């Protein structure tokens, strides 16, 4: 059985060039999603969300292999980020004020029934506080600008400032959705200066 690597097959979405903004069309895809609020470095809700996401993501991978005969590599963690005052996100970086939706992309053949079964099995095996908040739903960003950020998460602000205040105005683009990040590196194993993160912003022409 061949194992599908969506990061490779969807390279234009998951491997953008570094140091260069690119305009892309992001198709509708489905995700495991879980909403929360607070500093991802310290809020218990964030860690609980990530634990629930990965537990069900891996259970769905095994279910796909057994029930559908299709194997794939579990996709990386992704996040939508916003704040009531966006300055707390881009300039002041006041993480206690951040809202987020953490998510993991799922193949199109993963069904709601498979999700319900996987969630029920995980609930029997582990006590995960955030599990009941987990959902499977489609998400469609459409036209977006993205770039590969290499370095610490704390060093994203200058790139975001350039995107928001230089690239988008110069190309007559306006915001059309929430800031999106895709975490290609494991921060437990990769030095901060080598972390790879896709930064994406849905846009529309002004």
Foldseek 3Di string as FASTA:
>chain_A
DDAAEVCVVVVVVNPAAAPDKDKDFFFKFKKWKFKDAAACVDDPVNVLLVVLQVQLQVLLQVCCCVPVVYHYDWFFKKKFKAFPPRCCVQPVVVRRRMIMMIITTDDPPCDPVSSVVSLVVVVVVDDRPRSVRIDMDMDGQTIKMKHKDAFAPVPCNVVVCCVQPPVCVVQQKDFDGTWMKTWPDDCVPDPRRGTIMMTMTRIDHD
